Protein backbone atom coordinates (compact mmCIF):
# COMPACT_ATOMS: atom_id res chain seq x y z
CA MET A 1 -27.42 -89.17 -49.21
CA ARG A 2 -26.48 -85.78 -49.94
CA SER A 3 -28.92 -83.45 -51.69
CA TYR A 4 -28.66 -79.90 -52.67
CA PHE A 5 -31.59 -77.17 -53.79
CA LEU A 6 -31.86 -75.67 -57.33
CA TYR A 7 -33.94 -72.53 -57.34
CA LEU A 8 -35.70 -72.00 -60.57
CA HIS A 9 -36.59 -68.54 -61.66
CA GLY A 10 -40.08 -68.65 -63.01
CA LEU A 11 -43.13 -66.28 -64.41
CA CYS A 12 -43.87 -64.87 -61.17
CA ASP A 13 -40.33 -63.32 -60.29
CA ARG A 14 -39.86 -65.61 -57.77
CA TYR A 15 -37.34 -68.87 -57.09
CA LEU A 16 -38.83 -71.96 -56.90
CA ARG A 17 -37.24 -74.54 -54.54
CA VAL A 18 -36.27 -77.81 -56.08
CA LYS A 19 -34.38 -80.57 -54.34
CA ILE A 20 -31.77 -82.06 -56.01
CA VAL A 21 -31.48 -85.89 -54.54
CA PRO A 22 -29.34 -88.61 -55.91
CA LYS A 23 -31.73 -91.34 -54.95
CA TYR A 24 -30.35 -93.72 -57.48
CA LYS A 25 -26.52 -94.45 -59.34
CA TYR A 26 -28.14 -94.05 -62.48
CA LYS A 27 -25.55 -95.46 -65.58
CA GLN A 28 -24.67 -93.28 -68.69
CA TYR A 29 -24.45 -95.15 -71.89
CA THR A 30 -23.09 -93.95 -75.70
CA ARG A 31 -25.77 -92.93 -77.63
CA THR A 32 -24.78 -93.31 -81.32
CA THR A 33 -26.42 -94.50 -84.69
CA ASP A 34 -26.02 -97.65 -86.74
CA GLN A 35 -27.30 -98.16 -90.16
CA GLY A 36 -29.26 -94.83 -89.58
CA ARG A 37 -31.26 -95.68 -86.62
CA ARG A 38 -30.24 -94.49 -82.92
CA VAL A 39 -28.79 -96.89 -80.71
CA TYR A 40 -27.21 -97.12 -77.28
CA LEU A 41 -24.24 -99.09 -76.50
CA ASP A 42 -24.19 -101.46 -73.23
CA GLY A 43 -20.87 -102.63 -73.58
CA GLN A 44 -20.86 -105.16 -76.66
CA GLU A 45 -24.70 -104.77 -77.22
CA LYS A 46 -26.47 -102.27 -79.42
CA LEU A 47 -29.74 -101.26 -78.07
CA PRO A 48 -32.43 -99.99 -80.43
CA SER A 49 -33.96 -96.38 -78.95
CA VAL A 50 -37.37 -96.31 -77.84
CA THR A 51 -38.06 -93.47 -80.16
CA THR A 52 -36.73 -95.73 -82.93
CA ILE A 53 -38.90 -98.51 -82.27
CA LEU A 54 -41.97 -96.37 -82.09
CA SER A 55 -41.18 -94.52 -85.17
CA LYS A 56 -40.88 -97.79 -86.77
CA THR A 57 -44.14 -99.33 -85.89
CA LYS A 58 -46.31 -96.31 -86.26
CA ILE A 59 -49.42 -96.26 -88.13
CA GLU A 60 -49.76 -92.90 -89.97
CA SER A 61 -53.38 -91.86 -88.84
CA ASP A 62 -55.92 -90.37 -91.72
CA GLY A 63 -55.73 -86.84 -90.27
CA ILE A 64 -51.68 -86.87 -90.62
CA LYS A 65 -52.13 -88.12 -94.12
CA ALA A 66 -55.02 -85.47 -95.13
CA TRP A 67 -52.51 -82.81 -93.62
CA LYS A 68 -49.69 -83.94 -95.94
CA ALA A 69 -51.87 -83.93 -99.08
CA ARG A 70 -53.71 -80.66 -98.64
CA VAL A 71 -49.97 -78.49 -97.57
CA GLY A 72 -47.70 -80.81 -99.78
CA GLU A 73 -44.96 -82.79 -99.38
CA ALA A 74 -42.24 -80.29 -99.21
CA GLU A 75 -44.26 -77.91 -96.66
CA SER A 76 -45.15 -80.86 -94.41
CA ARG A 77 -41.22 -81.46 -94.28
CA ARG A 78 -40.57 -77.94 -93.39
CA ILE A 79 -43.01 -77.70 -90.68
CA MET A 80 -41.87 -80.94 -89.08
CA LYS A 81 -38.65 -79.74 -89.26
CA GLU A 82 -39.07 -76.52 -87.71
CA ALA A 83 -40.87 -78.21 -84.94
CA ALA A 84 -38.31 -80.64 -84.25
CA ALA A 85 -35.98 -77.81 -83.76
CA ARG A 86 -38.35 -75.45 -81.71
CA GLY A 87 -38.74 -78.98 -79.29
CA SER A 88 -34.84 -79.37 -79.37
CA GLU A 89 -33.86 -75.85 -78.08
CA MET A 90 -36.79 -75.95 -75.55
CA HIS A 91 -35.28 -78.98 -74.31
CA GLU A 92 -31.98 -77.46 -74.00
CA LEU A 93 -33.37 -74.63 -72.27
CA LEU A 94 -35.10 -76.93 -69.68
CA GLU A 95 -31.84 -79.03 -69.17
CA ARG A 96 -29.72 -76.11 -68.60
CA TYR A 97 -32.74 -75.09 -65.93
CA MET A 98 -32.29 -78.52 -63.94
CA HIS A 99 -28.76 -78.40 -63.82
CA SER A 100 -29.17 -75.13 -62.17
CA GLN A 101 -28.21 -72.57 -64.59
CA LYS A 102 -29.96 -69.31 -64.00
CA PHE A 103 -33.02 -68.96 -66.64
CA ASP A 104 -34.77 -65.65 -66.27
CA SER A 105 -38.47 -64.96 -66.96
CA PRO A 106 -38.45 -64.19 -70.91
CA ALA A 107 -39.04 -60.63 -71.93
CA HIS A 108 -41.93 -59.51 -74.23
CA ASP A 109 -39.71 -59.92 -77.44
CA ALA A 110 -37.68 -63.14 -75.98
CA PRO A 111 -37.41 -65.81 -78.69
CA LEU A 112 -40.74 -68.20 -78.63
CA THR A 113 -39.02 -71.16 -77.25
CA HIS A 114 -38.07 -69.13 -74.10
CA LYS A 115 -41.42 -68.92 -73.70
CA MET A 116 -42.53 -72.06 -74.08
CA ALA A 117 -40.02 -73.45 -71.96
CA ASN A 118 -41.07 -70.77 -69.23
CA LEU A 119 -44.36 -72.06 -69.30
CA ILE A 120 -43.53 -75.73 -68.54
CA LEU A 121 -41.63 -73.94 -65.69
CA SER A 122 -44.26 -71.87 -64.64
CA LYS A 123 -47.26 -74.25 -64.72
CA GLY A 124 -45.67 -77.57 -64.60
CA LEU A 125 -42.34 -77.74 -62.89
CA ILE A 126 -43.65 -75.98 -59.71
CA TYR A 127 -45.03 -79.24 -58.63
CA LEU A 128 -41.66 -80.55 -59.09
CA ASP A 129 -40.30 -81.41 -55.26
CA GLU A 130 -37.29 -83.35 -55.80
CA VAL A 131 -35.33 -84.20 -59.19
CA TRP A 132 -33.26 -87.64 -59.30
CA GLY A 133 -32.03 -87.27 -62.83
CA VAL A 134 -32.04 -85.27 -65.82
CA GLU A 135 -31.43 -86.21 -69.58
CA GLN A 136 -31.08 -89.45 -68.24
CA ASN A 137 -30.10 -92.88 -70.10
CA ILE A 138 -31.94 -95.66 -69.44
CA ILE A 139 -31.58 -99.56 -70.66
CA TYR A 140 -34.12 -102.42 -70.30
CA PRO A 141 -31.32 -104.74 -70.41
CA LYS A 142 -31.12 -107.01 -73.86
CA GLU A 143 -34.38 -105.11 -75.27
CA TYR A 144 -34.18 -101.26 -75.64
CA ALA A 145 -32.88 -97.75 -74.18
CA GLY A 146 -33.64 -94.35 -74.04
CA THR A 147 -33.25 -91.09 -72.38
CA VAL A 148 -35.92 -89.51 -69.90
CA ASP A 149 -36.33 -85.93 -69.83
CA CYS A 150 -36.80 -85.73 -66.11
CA VAL A 151 -37.25 -88.18 -63.17
CA GLY A 152 -37.97 -87.47 -59.85
CA LEU A 153 -40.92 -86.87 -56.98
CA TYR A 154 -43.99 -84.78 -58.66
CA LYS A 155 -46.78 -84.09 -57.35
CA LYS A 156 -45.49 -86.27 -54.30
CA ASN A 157 -45.10 -89.31 -56.70
CA PRO A 158 -42.06 -90.82 -58.35
CA THR A 159 -42.82 -89.83 -61.67
CA ILE A 160 -40.92 -89.65 -65.17
CA LEU A 161 -41.68 -86.20 -66.98
CA ASP A 162 -41.80 -85.84 -70.57
CA PHE A 163 -41.27 -82.43 -72.23
CA LYS A 164 -43.02 -81.74 -75.53
CA GLN A 165 -43.87 -78.74 -77.74
CA ALA A 166 -46.73 -78.90 -79.90
CA ASN A 167 -48.05 -76.45 -82.87
CA LYS A 168 -51.36 -76.45 -81.21
CA PRO A 169 -53.08 -77.70 -78.31
CA LYS A 170 -53.15 -81.79 -78.15
CA LYS A 171 -56.37 -83.98 -78.05
CA GLU A 172 -55.69 -86.94 -75.69
CA GLU A 173 -55.88 -89.65 -78.70
CA TYR A 174 -52.98 -87.60 -80.51
CA VAL A 175 -50.46 -88.55 -77.58
CA GLU A 176 -50.94 -92.07 -77.61
CA ASP A 177 -47.14 -92.86 -78.82
CA TYR A 178 -46.01 -90.49 -75.70
CA TYR A 179 -47.82 -92.45 -73.20
CA LEU A 180 -45.98 -95.48 -74.89
CA GLN A 181 -42.59 -93.70 -74.65
CA LEU A 182 -43.29 -92.91 -70.93
CA ALA A 183 -44.43 -96.46 -70.45
CA ALA A 184 -41.12 -97.73 -71.72
CA TYR A 185 -39.11 -95.96 -69.46
CA ILE A 186 -41.02 -96.89 -66.77
CA CYS A 187 -40.42 -100.37 -67.05
CA ALA A 188 -36.78 -100.22 -68.07
CA HIS A 189 -36.53 -97.88 -64.60
CA GLU A 190 -38.36 -100.24 -62.52
CA LYS A 191 -36.24 -103.08 -63.78
CA GLU A 192 -32.83 -101.78 -62.85
CA TYR A 193 -33.76 -99.05 -60.47
CA GLY A 194 -36.88 -98.66 -58.67
CA GLU A 195 -40.82 -98.14 -58.99
CA ILE A 196 -42.06 -95.40 -60.75
CA LYS A 197 -45.95 -94.76 -59.97
CA LYS A 198 -46.50 -92.05 -62.99
CA GLY A 199 -45.65 -91.15 -66.09
CA THR A 200 -46.65 -87.34 -67.06
CA ILE A 201 -46.13 -85.18 -70.18
CA LEU A 202 -45.91 -81.65 -69.89
CA VAL A 203 -46.67 -79.75 -73.36
CA ALA A 204 -46.30 -76.36 -74.39
CA SER A 205 -48.22 -75.12 -77.90
CA VAL A 206 -46.78 -72.42 -79.85
CA GLY A 207 -49.79 -70.42 -78.97
CA LEU A 208 -48.39 -70.69 -75.43
CA VAL A 209 -51.12 -73.19 -74.34
CA PHE A 210 -49.94 -75.63 -71.49
CA GLN A 211 -51.20 -79.29 -71.24
CA GLU A 212 -50.45 -81.89 -68.63
CA PHE A 213 -51.54 -85.70 -69.73
CA GLU A 214 -51.12 -88.27 -67.04
CA MET A 215 -51.24 -92.00 -66.66
CA SER A 216 -50.75 -94.10 -63.36
CA GLY A 217 -52.48 -97.11 -62.25
CA ASN A 218 -54.32 -99.24 -64.45
CA LYS A 219 -54.00 -96.48 -67.60
CA LEU A 220 -50.44 -96.91 -66.95
CA SER A 221 -50.61 -100.81 -66.35
CA GLU A 222 -52.21 -100.47 -70.11
CA TYR A 223 -49.73 -98.88 -71.96
CA LYS A 224 -47.37 -101.08 -70.34
CA ASP A 225 -49.03 -103.70 -72.13
CA LYS A 226 -49.38 -101.82 -75.24
CA TRP A 227 -45.55 -100.86 -75.27
CA TRP A 228 -44.48 -104.68 -74.98
CA ARG A 229 -46.91 -105.43 -77.87
CA ARG A 230 -45.28 -102.87 -80.18
CA LEU A 231 -41.22 -103.93 -78.75
CA GLU A 232 -42.54 -107.33 -80.30
CA GLU A 233 -44.01 -105.68 -83.60
CA PHE A 234 -40.46 -104.00 -83.72
CA LYS A 235 -38.41 -107.02 -83.08
CA THR A 236 -40.70 -109.41 -85.73
CA ASN A 237 -40.49 -106.83 -88.50
CA HIS A 238 -38.31 -104.18 -87.81
CA ALA A 239 -35.15 -105.12 -86.15
CA GLN A 240 -32.00 -105.40 -88.45
CA PRO A 241 -29.96 -108.54 -88.13
CA ARG A 242 -27.41 -107.59 -86.13
CA GLN A 243 -29.68 -105.90 -83.48
CA GLU A 244 -32.28 -108.71 -83.80
CA SER A 245 -29.77 -111.10 -82.37
CA LEU A 246 -28.84 -109.31 -79.71
CA LEU A 247 -32.22 -108.40 -78.65
CA LYS A 248 -33.06 -112.29 -78.79
CA ALA A 249 -29.68 -113.22 -76.81
């Protein structure tokens, strides 16, 4: 098996040595939209995305409802749109990074997204020993699909990593769906490729606070069970007719 090294330039003005290892022969799938929903094409099958499933089955918390009522519908949409754009840019920077393009330590007046990406690098990705895949499509045959931010050896454990931005530091009870997203990816990876020991969420907030949330062992098993229940709820109450027949095939 051939491998090579990626040198990541971090906050400490040094290069971090990360080994790129083609451990698995990952497949790529076409991602598109069908009737306003994100789907992945596996041959003739249209598989719903993990994010679509979670979005359709999510119950909005009282706190979110109160926040929307306080700031107003238009302002809440603006804030969420801005956060989504910030998250997309941060992901793009980290993806570019992982594909060995140079990413220097941001200057004092650099865009916020550059500082947030560098925070995830300097506080989290320094513990990444091997990279097996970046922005990797993954499916659970006949059920669902998604895109993994990064999969590899993190803190010496086979791990799927998810990068998130936040307007302010997160309490653990607010990352429930992030855990479920990772549990879905881990189930798919273990079905198609190999075992994953941990799911880890690396969060950079607007105030440049870094957080790491991790699940493994019993906690991971618990969220796998929760994920399958959410998927069943989606298939029962939200699947479109064409997708439903595919899911039950």
